[in-house]
PDB file of N, CA and C in Angstrom:
ATOM      1  N   MET A   1     -32.030  23.508 -13.765  1.00  0.00           N
ATOM      2  CA  MET A   1     -30.788  23.032 -13.184  1.00  0.00           C
ATOM      3  C   MET A   1     -30.561  21.587 -13.611  1.00  0.00           C
ATOM      4  N   THR A   2     -29.357  21.277 -14.013  1.00  0.00           N
ATOM      5  CA  THR A   2     -29.000  19.932 -14.424  1.00  0.00           C
ATOM      6  C   THR A   2     -28.229  19.255 -13.293  1.00  0.00           C
ATOM      7  N   SER A   3     -28.600  18.019 -13.016  1.00  0.00           N
ATOM      8  CA  SER A   3     -27.915  17.260 -11.978  1.00  0.00           C
ATOM      9  C   SER A   3     -27.011  16.215 -12.613  1.00  0.00           C
ATOM     10  N   ILE A   4     -25.914  15.952 -11.964  1.00  0.00           N
ATOM     11  CA  ILE A   4     -25.027  14.879 -12.410  1.00  0.00           C
ATOM     12  C   ILE A   4     -24.696  14.008 -11.201  1.00  0.00           C
ATOM     13  N   CYS A   5     -24.343  12.810 -11.498  1.00  0.00           N
ATOM     14  CA  CYS A   5     -23.965  11.867 -10.450  1.00  0.00           C
ATOM     15  C   CYS A   5     -22.521  11.441 -10.705  1.00  0.00           C
ATOM     16  N   ILE A   6     -21.677  11.670  -9.713  1.00  0.00           N
ATOM     17  CA  ILE A   6     -20.288  11.247  -9.806  1.00  0.00           C
ATOM     18  C   ILE A   6     -20.031  10.286  -8.661  1.00  0.00           C
ATOM     19  N   LEU A   7     -19.568   9.106  -9.006  1.00  0.00           N
ATOM     20  CA  LEU A   7     -19.269   8.110  -7.986  1.00  0.00           C
ATOM     21  C   LEU A   7     -18.029   8.503  -7.210  1.00  0.00           C
ATOM     22  N   LYS A   8     -18.074   8.312  -5.899  1.00  0.00           N
ATOM     23  CA  LYS A   8     -16.922   8.599  -5.060  1.00  0.00           C
ATOM     24  C   LYS A   8     -15.701   7.817  -5.538  1.00  0.00           C
ATOM     25  N   SER A   9     -15.919   6.575  -5.965  1.00  0.00           N
ATOM     26  CA  SER A   9     -14.797   5.762  -6.428  1.00  0.00           C
ATOM     27  C   SER A   9     -14.096   6.403  -7.623  1.00  0.00           C
ATOM     28  N   GLU A  10     -14.833   7.125  -8.444  1.00  0.00           N
ATOM     29  CA  GLU A  10     -14.222   7.807  -9.582  1.00  0.00           C
ATOM     30  C   GLU A  10     -13.327   8.956  -9.109  1.00  0.00           C
ATOM     31  N   LEU A  11     -13.752   9.643  -8.076  1.00  0.00           N
ATOM     32  CA  LEU A  11     -12.948  10.727  -7.529  1.00  0.00           C
ATOM     33  C   LEU A  11     -11.720  10.186  -6.810  1.00  0.00           C
ATOM     34  N   ASP A  12     -11.887   9.071  -6.109  1.00  0.00           N
ATOM     35  CA  ASP A  12     -10.783   8.466  -5.377  1.00  0.00           C
ATOM     36  C   ASP A  12      -9.662   8.026  -6.299  1.00  0.00           C
ATOM     37  N   LYS A  13     -10.009   7.640  -7.515  1.00  0.00           N
ATOM     38  CA  LYS A  13      -8.990   7.182  -8.470  1.00  0.00           C
ATOM     39  C   LYS A  13      -7.966   8.277  -8.736  1.00  0.00           C
ATOM     40  N   GLN A  14      -8.401   9.519  -8.655  1.00  0.00           N
ATOM     41  CA  GLN A  14      -7.528  10.632  -8.968  1.00  0.00           C
ATOM     42  C   GLN A  14      -6.570  10.961  -7.817  1.00  0.00           C
ATOM     43  N   ARG A  15      -6.799  10.398  -6.657  1.00  0.00           N
ATOM     44  CA  ARG A  15      -5.989  10.777  -5.504  1.00  0.00           C
ATOM     45  C   ARG A  15      -4.674  10.011  -5.409  1.00  0.00           C
ATOM     46  N   TYR A  16      -4.512   8.923  -6.139  1.00  0.00           N
ATOM     47  CA  TYR A  16      -3.263   8.174  -6.101  1.00  0.00           C
ATOM     48  C   TYR A  16      -2.214   8.876  -6.944  1.00  0.00           C
ATOM     49  N   THR A  17      -1.003   8.894  -6.438  1.00  0.00           N
ATOM     50  CA  THR A  17       0.088   9.561  -7.147  1.00  0.00           C
ATOM     51  C   THR A  17       1.227   8.568  -7.386  1.00  0.00           C
ATOM     52  N   ALA A  18       2.077   8.904  -8.332  1.00  0.00           N
ATOM     53  CA  ALA A  18       3.244   8.055  -8.595  1.00  0.00           C
ATOM     54  C   ALA A  18       4.140   8.002  -7.357  1.00  0.00           C
ATOM     55  N   ALA A  19       4.326   9.138  -6.696  1.00  0.00           N
ATOM     56  CA  ALA A  19       5.137   9.163  -5.473  1.00  0.00           C
ATOM     57  C   ALA A  19       4.482   8.332  -4.376  1.00  0.00           C
ATOM     58  N   GLY A  20       3.162   8.374  -4.315  1.00  0.00           N
ATOM     59  CA  GLY A  20       2.441   7.592  -3.320  1.00  0.00           C
ATOM     60  C   GLY A  20       2.563   6.101  -3.564  1.00  0.00           C
ATOM     61  N   VAL A  21       2.433   5.693  -4.809  1.00  0.00           N
ATOM     62  CA  VAL A  21       2.588   4.273  -5.151  1.00  0.00           C
ATOM     63  C   VAL A  21       4.007   3.823  -4.818  1.00  0.00           C
ATOM     64  N   ALA A  22       4.989   4.697  -5.033  1.00  0.00           N
ATOM     65  CA  ALA A  22       6.377   4.370  -4.677  1.00  0.00           C
ATOM     66  C   ALA A  22       6.513   4.210  -3.158  1.00  0.00           C
ATOM     67  N   ARG A  23       5.816   5.051  -2.375  1.00  0.00           N
ATOM     68  CA  ARG A  23       5.842   4.913  -0.908  1.00  0.00           C
ATOM     69  C   ARG A  23       5.244   3.583  -0.481  1.00  0.00           C
ATOM     70  N   LEU A  24       4.121   3.210  -1.077  1.00  0.00           N
ATOM     71  CA  LEU A  24       3.479   1.934  -0.764  1.00  0.00           C
ATOM     72  C   LEU A  24       4.421   0.784  -1.088  1.00  0.00           C
ATOM     73  N   ALA A  25       5.047   0.829  -2.257  1.00  0.00           N
ATOM     74  CA  ALA A  25       5.987  -0.219  -2.656  1.00  0.00           C
ATOM     75  C   ALA A  25       7.143  -0.309  -1.668  1.00  0.00           C
ATOM     76  N   LEU A  26       7.641   0.834  -1.224  1.00  0.00           N
ATOM     77  CA  LEU A  26       8.746   0.845  -0.277  1.00  0.00           C
ATOM     78  C   LEU A  26       8.343   0.236   1.066  1.00  0.00           C
ATOM     79  N   ALA A  27       7.135   0.520   1.520  1.00  0.00           N
ATOM     80  CA  ALA A  27       6.650  -0.059   2.776  1.00  0.00           C
ATOM     81  C   ALA A  27       6.548  -1.575   2.670  1.00  0.00           C
ATOM     82  N   ILE A  28       6.085  -2.055   1.540  1.00  0.00           N
ATOM     83  CA  ILE A  28       5.977  -3.505   1.331  1.00  0.00           C
ATOM     84  C   ILE A  28       7.376  -4.126   1.277  1.00  0.00           C
ATOM     85  N   LYS A  29       8.268  -3.507   0.509  1.00  0.00           N
ATOM     86  CA  LYS A  29       9.636  -4.030   0.391  1.00  0.00           C
ATOM     87  C   LYS A  29      10.359  -4.020   1.735  1.00  0.00           C
ATOM     88  N   ALA A  30      10.201  -2.941   2.494  1.00  0.00           N
ATOM     89  CA  ALA A  30      10.874  -2.836   3.790  1.00  0.00           C
ATOM     90  C   ALA A  30      10.362  -3.892   4.760  1.00  0.00           C
ATOM     91  N   THR A  31       9.066  -4.132   4.737  1.00  0.00           N
ATOM     92  CA  THR A  31       8.488  -5.176   5.590  1.00  0.00           C
ATOM     93  C   THR A  31       9.034  -6.538   5.185  1.00  0.00           C
ATOM     94  N   MET A  32       9.057  -6.812   3.897  1.00  0.00           N
ATOM     95  CA  MET A  32       9.583  -8.088   3.416  1.00  0.00           C
ATOM     96  C   MET A  32      11.050  -8.249   3.816  1.00  0.00           C
ATOM     97  N   HIS A  33      11.809  -7.185   3.698  1.00  0.00           N
ATOM     98  CA  HIS A  33      13.227  -7.232   4.054  1.00  0.00           C
ATOM     99  C   HIS A  33      13.388  -7.547   5.541  1.00  0.00           C
ATOM    100  N   TYR A  34      12.663  -6.839   6.385  1.00  0.00           N
ATOM    101  CA  TYR A  34      12.778  -7.052   7.825  1.00  0.00           C
ATOM    102  C   TYR A  34      12.350  -8.472   8.218  1.00  0.00           C
ATOM    103  N   ARG A  35      11.269  -8.941   7.618  1.00  0.00           N
ATOM    104  CA  ARG A  35      10.769 -10.287   7.924  1.00  0.00           C
ATOM    105  C   ARG A  35      11.569 -11.389   7.222  1.00  0.00           C
ATOM    106  N   ARG A  36      12.414 -10.982   6.269  1.00  0.00           N
ATOM    107  CA  ARG A  36      13.170 -11.929   5.445  1.00  0.00           C
ATOM    108  C   ARG A  36      12.238 -12.826   4.633  1.00  0.00           C
ATOM    109  N   TRP A  37      11.222 -12.187   4.085  1.00  0.00           N
ATOM    110  CA  TRP A  37      10.239 -12.874   3.262  1.00  0.00           C
ATOM    111  C   TRP A  37      10.514 -12.600   1.794  1.00  0.00           C
ATOM    112  N   SER A  38      10.285 -13.588   0.973  1.00  0.00           N
ATOM    113  CA  SER A  38      10.305 -13.401  -0.474  1.00  0.00           C
ATOM    114  C   SER A  38       8.916 -12.918  -0.914  1.00  0.00           C
ATOM    115  N   GLU A  39       8.812 -12.555  -2.166  1.00  0.00           N
ATOM    116  CA  GLU A  39       7.504 -12.175  -2.711  1.00  0.00           C
ATOM    117  C   GLU A  39       6.536 -13.349  -2.618  1.00  0.00           C
ATOM    118  N   ARG A  40       7.027 -14.536  -2.844  1.00  0.00           N
ATOM    119  CA  ARG A  40       6.160 -15.725  -2.782  1.00  0.00           C
ATOM    120  C   ARG A  40       5.654 -15.982  -1.361  1.00  0.00           C
ATOM    121  N   VAL A  41       6.499 -15.765  -0.378  1.00  0.00           N
ATOM    122  CA  VAL A  41       6.063 -15.956   1.012  1.00  0.00           C
ATOM    123  C   VAL A  41       4.996 -14.925   1.368  1.00  0.00           C
ATOM    124  N   LEU A  42       5.239 -13.662   1.026  1.00  0.00           N
ATOM    125  CA  LEU A  42       4.232 -12.628   1.298  1.00  0.00           C
ATOM    126  C   LEU A  42       2.928 -12.960   0.588  1.00  0.00           C
ATOM    127  N   ALA A  43       3.021 -13.375  -0.656  1.00  0.00           N
ATOM    128  CA  ALA A  43       1.819 -13.724  -1.422  1.00  0.00           C
ATOM    129  C   ALA A  43       1.045 -14.840  -0.740  1.00  0.00           C
ATOM    130  N   LYS A  44       1.754 -15.864  -0.291  1.00  0.00           N
ATOM    131  CA  LYS A  44       1.087 -16.987   0.373  1.00  0.00           C
ATOM    132  C   LYS A  44       0.426 -16.528   1.669  1.00  0.00           C
ATOM    133  N   GLN A  45       1.138 -15.730   2.457  1.00  0.00           N
ATOM    134  CA  GLN A  45       0.593 -15.230   3.716  1.00  0.00           C
ATOM    135  C   GLN A  45      -0.656 -14.365   3.487  1.00  0.00           C
ATOM    136  N   ALA A  46      -0.646 -13.581   2.409  1.00  0.00           N
ATOM    137  CA  ALA A  46      -1.755 -12.672   2.105  1.00  0.00           C
ATOM    138  C   ALA A  46      -2.885 -13.354   1.346  1.00  0.00           C
ATOM    139  N   GLY A  47      -2.607 -14.536   0.780  1.00  0.00           N
ATOM    140  CA  GLY A  47      -3.624 -15.218  -0.005  1.00  0.00           C
ATOM    141  C   GLY A  47      -3.849 -14.599  -1.369  1.00  0.00           C
ATOM    142  N   ILE A  48      -2.771 -14.032  -1.923  1.00  0.00           N
ATOM    143  CA  ILE A  48      -2.846 -13.438  -3.259  1.00  0.00           C
ATOM    144  C   ILE A  48      -1.722 -14.025  -4.111  1.00  0.00           C
ATOM    145  N   SER A  49      -1.731 -13.739  -5.397  1.00  0.00           N
ATOM    146  CA  SER A  49      -0.714 -14.322  -6.277  1.00  0.00           C
ATOM    147  C   SER A  49       0.624 -13.609  -6.118  1.00  0.00           C
ATOM    148  N   HIS A  50       1.695 -14.351  -6.374  1.00  0.00           N
ATOM    149  CA  HIS A  50       3.026 -13.739  -6.299  1.00  0.00           C
ATOM    150  C   HIS A  50       3.223 -12.715  -7.419  1.00  0.00           C
ATOM    151  N   VAL A  51       2.504 -12.887  -8.512  1.00  0.00           N
ATOM    152  CA  VAL A  51       2.565 -11.918  -9.610  1.00  0.00           C
ATOM    153  C   VAL A  51       2.011 -10.574  -9.142  1.00  0.00           C
ATOM    154  N   THR A  52       0.922 -10.622  -8.388  1.00  0.00           N
ATOM    155  CA  THR A  52       0.336  -9.398  -7.847  1.00  0.00           C
ATOM    156  C   THR A  52       1.297  -8.739  -6.868  1.00  0.00           C
ATOM    157  N   VAL A  53       1.885  -9.519  -5.980  1.00  0.00           N
ATOM    158  CA  VAL A  53       2.859  -8.971  -5.031  1.00  0.00           C
ATOM    159  C   VAL A  53       3.999  -8.313  -5.795  1.00  0.00           C
ATOM    160  N   ASN A  54       4.483  -8.961  -6.831  1.00  0.00           N
ATOM    161  CA  ASN A  54       5.565  -8.401  -7.631  1.00  0.00           C
ATOM    162  C   ASN A  54       5.192  -7.041  -8.205  1.00  0.00           C
ATOM    163  N   LYS A  55       3.971  -6.912  -8.699  1.00  0.00           N
ATOM    164  CA  LYS A  55       3.520  -5.629  -9.260  1.00  0.00           C
ATOM    165  C   LYS A  55       3.523  -4.538  -8.196  1.00  0.00           C
ATOM    166  N   TYR A  56       3.079  -4.875  -6.985  1.00  0.00           N
ATOM    167  CA  TYR A  56       3.031  -3.893  -5.906  1.00  0.00           C
ATOM    168  C   TYR A  56       4.440  -3.546  -5.427  1.00  0.00           C
ATOM    169  N   VAL A  57       5.310  -4.521  -5.327  1.00  0.00           N
ATOM    170  CA  VAL A  57       6.687  -4.292  -4.890  1.00  0.00           C
ATOM    171  C   VAL A  57       7.434  -3.411  -5.892  1.00  0.00           C
ATOM    172  N   ARG A  58       7.185  -3.629  -7.162  1.00  0.00           N
ATOM    173  CA  ARG A  58       7.839  -2.836  -8.202  1.00  0.00           C
ATOM    174  C   ARG A  58       7.159  -1.488  -8.439  1.00  0.00           C
ATOM    175  N   GLY A  59       5.975  -1.300  -7.865  1.00  0.00           N
ATOM    176  CA  GLY A  59       5.232  -0.061  -8.095  1.00  0.00           C
ATOM    177  C   GLY A  59       4.612  -0.016  -9.469  1.00  0.00           C
ATOM    178  N   ASN A  60       4.383  -1.188 -10.066  1.00  0.00           N
ATOM    179  CA  ASN A  60       3.800  -1.278 -11.405  1.00  0.00           C
ATOM    180  C   ASN A  60       2.278  -1.309 -11.357  1.00  0.00           C
ATOM    181  N   ILE A  61       1.718  -0.377 -10.611  1.00  0.00           N
ATOM    182  CA  ILE A  61       0.262  -0.230 -10.523  1.00  0.00           C
ATOM    183  C   ILE A  61      -0.053   1.252 -10.636  1.00  0.00           C
ATOM    184  N   SER A  62      -1.207   1.572 -11.160  1.00  0.00           N
ATOM    185  CA  SER A  62      -1.599   2.979 -11.211  1.00  0.00           C
ATOM    186  C   SER A  62      -2.442   3.352 -10.003  1.00  0.00           C
ATOM    187  N   GLU A  63      -3.168   2.366  -9.512  1.00  0.00           N
ATOM    188  CA  GLU A  63      -3.937   2.585  -8.282  1.00  0.00           C
ATOM    189  C   GLU A  63      -4.102   1.252  -7.561  1.00  0.00           C
ATOM    190  N   PRO A  64      -3.881   1.257  -6.260  1.00  0.00           N
ATOM    191  CA  PRO A  64      -4.019   0.016  -5.499  1.00  0.00           C
ATOM    192  C   PRO A  64      -5.458  -0.491  -5.516  1.00  0.00           C
ATOM    193  N   GLN A  65      -5.614  -1.798  -5.544  1.00  0.00           N
ATOM    194  CA  GLN A  65      -6.946  -2.398  -5.480  1.00  0.00           C
ATOM    195  C   GLN A  65      -7.292  -2.643  -4.015  1.00  0.00           C
ATOM    196  N   GLN A  66      -8.495  -2.279  -3.651  1.00  0.00           N
ATOM    197  CA  GLN A  66      -8.940  -2.379  -2.273  1.00  0.00           C
ATOM    198  C   GLN A  66      -8.774  -3.785  -1.702  1.00  0.00           C
ATOM    199  N   GLU A  67      -9.131  -4.800  -2.478  1.00  0.00           N
ATOM    200  CA  GLU A  67      -9.039  -6.170  -1.961  1.00  0.00           C
ATOM    201  C   GLU A  67      -7.586  -6.598  -1.734  1.00  0.00           C
ATOM    202  N   ILE A  68      -6.666  -6.075  -2.516  1.00  0.00           N
ATOM    203  CA  ILE A  68      -5.252  -6.395  -2.337  1.00  0.00           C
ATOM    204  C   ILE A  68      -4.715  -5.683  -1.093  1.00  0.00           C
ATOM    205  N   ILE A  69      -5.060  -4.434  -0.939  1.00  0.00           N
ATOM    206  CA  ILE A  69      -4.631  -3.673   0.243  1.00  0.00           C
ATOM    207  C   ILE A  69      -5.179  -4.327   1.511  1.00  0.00           C
ATOM    208  N   LYS A  70      -6.426  -4.762   1.469  1.00  0.00           N
ATOM    209  CA  LYS A  70      -7.017  -5.440   2.631  1.00  0.00           C
ATOM    210  C   LYS A  70      -6.274  -6.732   2.959  1.00  0.00           C
ATOM    211  N   ALA A  71      -5.825  -7.447   1.939  1.00  0.00           N
ATOM    212  CA  ALA A  71      -5.087  -8.698   2.151  1.00  0.00           C
ATOM    213  C   ALA A  71      -3.689  -8.430   2.704  1.00  0.00           C
ATOM    214  N   LEU A  72      -3.060  -7.340   2.283  1.00  0.00           N
ATOM    215  CA  LEU A  72      -1.707  -7.024   2.713  1.00  0.00           C
ATOM    216  C   LEU A  72      -1.653  -6.336   4.082  1.00  0.00           C
ATOM    217  N   ALA A  73      -2.674  -5.572   4.409  1.00  0.00           N
ATOM    218  CA  ALA A  73      -2.659  -4.740   5.616  1.00  0.00           C
ATOM    219  C   ALA A  73      -2.279  -5.477   6.905  1.00  0.00           C
ATOM    220  N   PRO A  74      -2.783  -6.685   7.158  1.00  0.00           N
ATOM    221  CA  PRO A  74      -2.401  -7.355   8.404  1.00  0.00           C
ATOM    222  C   PRO A  74      -0.931  -7.788   8.455  1.00  0.00           C
ATOM    223  N   LEU A  75      -0.236  -7.718   7.324  1.00  0.00           N
ATOM    224  CA  LEU A  75       1.133  -8.214   7.238  1.00  0.00           C
ATOM    225  C   LEU A  75       2.182  -7.117   7.135  1.00  0.00           C
ATOM    226  N   ILE A  76       1.766  -5.926   6.760  1.00  0.00           N
ATOM    227  CA  ILE A  76       2.710  -4.833   6.503  1.00  0.00           C
ATOM    228  C   ILE A  76       2.882  -3.982   7.755  1.00  0.00           C
ATOM    229  N   TYR A  77       4.146  -3.757   8.138  1.00  0.00           N
ATOM    230  CA  TYR A  77       4.430  -2.933   9.305  1.00  0.00           C
ATOM    231  C   TYR A  77       4.011  -1.489   9.062  1.00  0.00           C
ATOM    232  N   ARG A  78       3.535  -0.857  10.124  1.00  0.00           N
ATOM    233  CA  ARG A  78       3.138   0.550  10.036  1.00  0.00           C
ATOM    234  C   ARG A  78       4.340   1.434   9.751  1.00  0.00           C
ATOM    235  N   VAL A  79       4.117   2.415   8.911  1.00  0.00           N
ATOM    236  CA  VAL A  79       5.159   3.385   8.574  1.00  0.00           C
ATOM    237  C   VAL A  79       5.052   4.549   9.548  1.00  0.00           C
ATOM    238  N   ASN A  80       6.163   4.830  10.230  1.00  0.00           N
ATOM    239  CA  ASN A  80       6.202   6.015  11.089  1.00  0.00           C
ATOM    240  C   ASN A  80       6.512   7.253  10.261  1.00  0.00           C
ATOM    241  N   SER A  81       7.481   7.109   9.362  1.00  0.00           N
ATOM    242  CA  SER A  81       7.827   8.250   8.515  1.00  0.00           C
ATOM    243  C   SER A  81       8.742   7.814   7.374  1.00  0.00           C
ATOM    244  N   PHE A  82       8.803   8.702   6.414  1.00  0.00           N
ATOM    245  CA  PHE A  82       9.765   8.586   5.321  1.00  0.00           C
ATOM    246  C   PHE A  82      10.705   9.762   5.497  1.00  0.00           C
ATOM    247  N   GLU A  83      11.980   9.497   5.564  1.00  0.00           N
ATOM    248  CA  GLU A  83      12.969  10.553   5.744  1.00  0.00           C
ATOM    249  C   GLU A  83      14.017  10.430   4.662  1.00  0.00           C
ATOM    250  N   GLU A  84      14.239  11.488   3.933  1.00  0.00           N
ATOM    251  CA  GLU A  84      15.229  11.542   2.861  1.00  0.00           C
ATOM    252  C   GLU A  84      15.392  10.213   2.143  1.00  0.00           C
ATOM    253  N   ASP A  85      16.351   9.394   2.585  1.00  0.00           N
ATOM    254  CA  ASP A  85      16.625   8.149   1.883  1.00  0.00           C
ATOM    255  C   ASP A  85      16.297   6.916   2.711  1.00  0.00           C
ATOM    256  N   LYS A  86      15.365   7.050   3.668  1.00  0.00           N
ATOM    257  CA  LYS A  86      15.019   5.893   4.491  1.00  0.00           C
ATOM    258  C   LYS A  86      13.549   5.912   4.894  1.00  0.00           C
ATOM    259  N   ILE A  87      13.100   4.745   5.301  1.00  0.00           N
ATOM    260  CA  ILE A  87      11.740   4.567   5.782  1.00  0.00           C
ATOM    261  C   ILE A  87      11.850   4.081   7.239  1.00  0.00           C
ATOM    262  N   ILE A  88      11.026   4.629   8.096  1.00  0.00           N
ATOM    263  CA  ILE A  88      11.013   4.238   9.506  1.00  0.00           C
ATOM    264  C   ILE A  88       9.737   3.435   9.754  1.00  0.00           C
ATOM    265  N   LEU A  89       9.902   2.148  10.109  1.00  0.00           N
ATOM    266  CA  LEU A  89       8.771   1.253  10.365  1.00  0.00           C
ATOM    267  C   LEU A  89       8.601   1.011  11.857  1.00  0.00           C
ATOM    268  N   ASP A  90       7.372   0.783  12.268  1.00  0.00           N
ATOM    269  CA  ASP A  90       7.068   0.323  13.624  1.00  0.00           C
ATOM    270  C   ASP A  90       6.896  -1.187  13.522  1.00  0.00           C
ATOM    271  N   THR A  91       7.923  -1.932  13.885  1.00  0.00           N
ATOM    272  CA  THR A  91       7.881  -3.391  13.736  1.00  0.00           C
ATOM    273  C   THR A  91       7.077  -4.072  14.839  1.00  0.00           C
ATOM    274  N   THR A  92       6.456  -3.273  15.692  1.00  0.00           N
ATOM    275  CA  THR A  92       5.566  -3.852  16.703  1.00  0.00           C
ATOM    276  C   THR A  92       4.105  -3.778  16.287  1.00  0.00           C
ATOM    277  N   ALA A  93       3.845  -3.142  15.141  1.00  0.00           N
ATOM    278  CA  ALA A  93       2.447  -2.964  14.726  1.00  0.00           C
ATOM    279  C   ALA A  93       2.306  -3.058  13.212  1.00  0.00           C
ATOM    280  N   CYS A  94       1.291  -3.783  12.787  1.00  0.00           N
ATOM    281  CA  CYS A  94       0.915  -3.843  11.371  1.00  0.00           C
ATOM    282  C   CYS A  94      -0.355  -3.024  11.176  1.00  0.00           C
ATOM    283  N   TYR A  95      -0.770  -2.865   9.939  1.00  0.00           N
ATOM    284  CA  TYR A  95      -1.975  -2.094   9.655  1.00  0.00           C
ATOM    285  C   TYR A  95      -3.248  -2.845  10.044  1.00  0.00           C
ATOM    286  N   GLY A  96      -3.200  -4.166  10.021  1.00  0.00           N
ATOM    287  CA  GLY A  96      -4.338  -4.974  10.464  1.00  0.00           C
ATOM    288  C   GLY A  96      -5.634  -4.605   9.757  1.00  0.00           C
ATOM    289  N   GLU A  97      -6.635  -4.302  10.554  1.00  0.00           N
ATOM    290  CA  GLU A  97      -7.950  -3.933  10.010  1.00  0.00           C
ATOM    291  C   GLU A  97      -7.958  -2.521   9.425  1.00  0.00           C
ATOM    292  N   ASP A  98      -6.941  -1.731   9.734  1.00  0.00           N
ATOM    293  CA  ASP A  98      -6.885  -0.347   9.270  1.00  0.00           C
ATOM    294  C   ASP A  98      -6.249  -0.271   7.876  1.00  0.00           C
ATOM    295  N   TRP A  99      -6.848  -1.002   6.944  1.00  0.00           N
ATOM    296  CA  TRP A  99      -6.312  -1.066   5.583  1.00  0.00           C
ATOM    297  C   TRP A  99      -6.318   0.303   4.908  1.00  0.00           C
ATOM    298  N   GLU A 100      -7.243   1.180   5.323  1.00  0.00           N
ATOM    299  CA  GLU A 100      -7.311   2.504   4.698  1.00  0.00           C
ATOM    300  C   GLU A 100      -6.059   3.333   5.001  1.00  0.00           C
ATOM    301  N   ALA A 101      -5.452   3.096   6.161  1.00  0.00           N
ATOM    302  CA  ALA A 101      -4.203   3.798   6.487  1.00  0.00           C
ATOM    303  C   ALA A 101      -3.079   3.320   5.564  1.00  0.00           C
ATOM    304  N   LEU A 102      -3.048   2.023   5.276  1.00  0.00           N
ATOM    305  CA  LEU A 102      -2.067   1.505   4.323  1.00  0.00           C
ATOM    306  C   LEU A 102      -2.329   2.086   2.938  1.00  0.00           C
ATOM    307  N   ASP A 103      -3.582   2.117   2.549  1.00  0.00           N
ATOM    308  CA  ASP A 103      -3.973   2.682   1.259  1.00  0.00           C
ATOM    309  C   ASP A 103      -3.541   4.144   1.148  1.00  0.00           C
ATOM    310  N   SER A 104      -3.606   4.878   2.249  1.00  0.00           N
ATOM    311  CA  SER A 104      -3.281   6.314   2.214  1.00  0.00           C
ATOM    312  C   SER A 104      -1.811   6.576   1.872  1.00  0.00           C
ATOM    313  N   LEU A 105      -0.949   5.571   2.062  1.00  0.00           N
ATOM    314  CA  LEU A 105       0.448   5.758   1.657  1.00  0.00           C
ATOM    315  C   LEU A 105       0.544   6.120   0.183  1.00  0.00           C
ATOM    316  N   ALA A 106      -0.366   5.601  -0.616  1.00  0.00           N
ATOM    317  CA  ALA A 106      -0.313   5.802  -2.063  1.00  0.00           C
ATOM    318  C   ALA A 106      -1.035   7.056  -2.529  1.00  0.00           C
ATOM    319  N   THR A 107      -1.467   7.878  -1.580  1.00  0.00           N
ATOM    320  CA  THR A 107      -2.226   9.075  -1.947  1.00  0.00           C
ATOM    321  C   THR A 107      -1.416  10.346  -1.749  1.00  0.00           C
ATOM    322  N   ASP A 108      -1.963  11.415  -2.280  1.00  0.00           N
ATOM    323  CA  ASP A 108      -1.328  12.712  -2.095  1.00  0.00           C
ATOM    324  C   ASP A 108      -1.620  13.299  -0.708  1.00  0.00           C
ATOM    325  N   SER A 109      -2.486  12.629   0.065  1.00  0.00           N
ATOM    326  CA  SER A 109      -2.831  13.146   1.384  1.00  0.00           C
ATOM    327  C   SER A 109      -2.019  12.501   2.503  1.00  0.00           C
ATOM    328  N   PHE A 110      -1.093  11.608   2.182  1.00  0.00           N
ATOM    329  CA  PHE A 110      -0.273  10.969   3.207  1.00  0.00           C
ATOM    330  C   PHE A 110       0.588  12.039   3.865  1.00  0.00           C
ATOM    331  N   ASP A 111       0.607  12.047   5.200  1.00  0.00           N
ATOM    332  CA  ASP A 111       1.345  13.092   5.912  1.00  0.00           C
ATOM    333  C   ASP A 111       2.436  12.540   6.826  1.00  0.00           C
ATOM    334  N   GLY A 112       2.920  11.326   6.554  1.00  0.00           N
ATOM    335  CA  GLY A 112       3.926  10.729   7.439  1.00  0.00           C
ATOM    336  C   GLY A 112       5.321  11.164   7.167  1.00  0.00           C
TER     337      GLY A 112
END
C-alpha cells in the first residue's frame, strides 16, 4: 500500500469560487458604503495596504489570504443574505473573531 500526504491547505484552495469571491467583495463594498469609508480608510482601520483592499473590493483575488480576512473580519458587517440584486447586512454585528465565517463567503459552501 502506498501512502500519500495531502495538506489540508491544498484542499482548501479548491473550495474558493469566482462567485464566492464576488460575494466577499460585495460584503466589503457594502460595509464601506454603509460606513461611508473609502478603501484607504478601511485599509488604515484594518492595518493593511490600500492596494490590498482594492484587490479584495474588485474581486481581483483567486483565494482570500487568511491574514487579510482576519484583519478585515472585525470591520465587516455580517451578511444575513444575498437576494437577487441585493445584499442584506446586519449593521449591529461584525464578524470580529469569527473570521472563518467571513472567509466562508468566498466558498462554495456558503449558505446565506
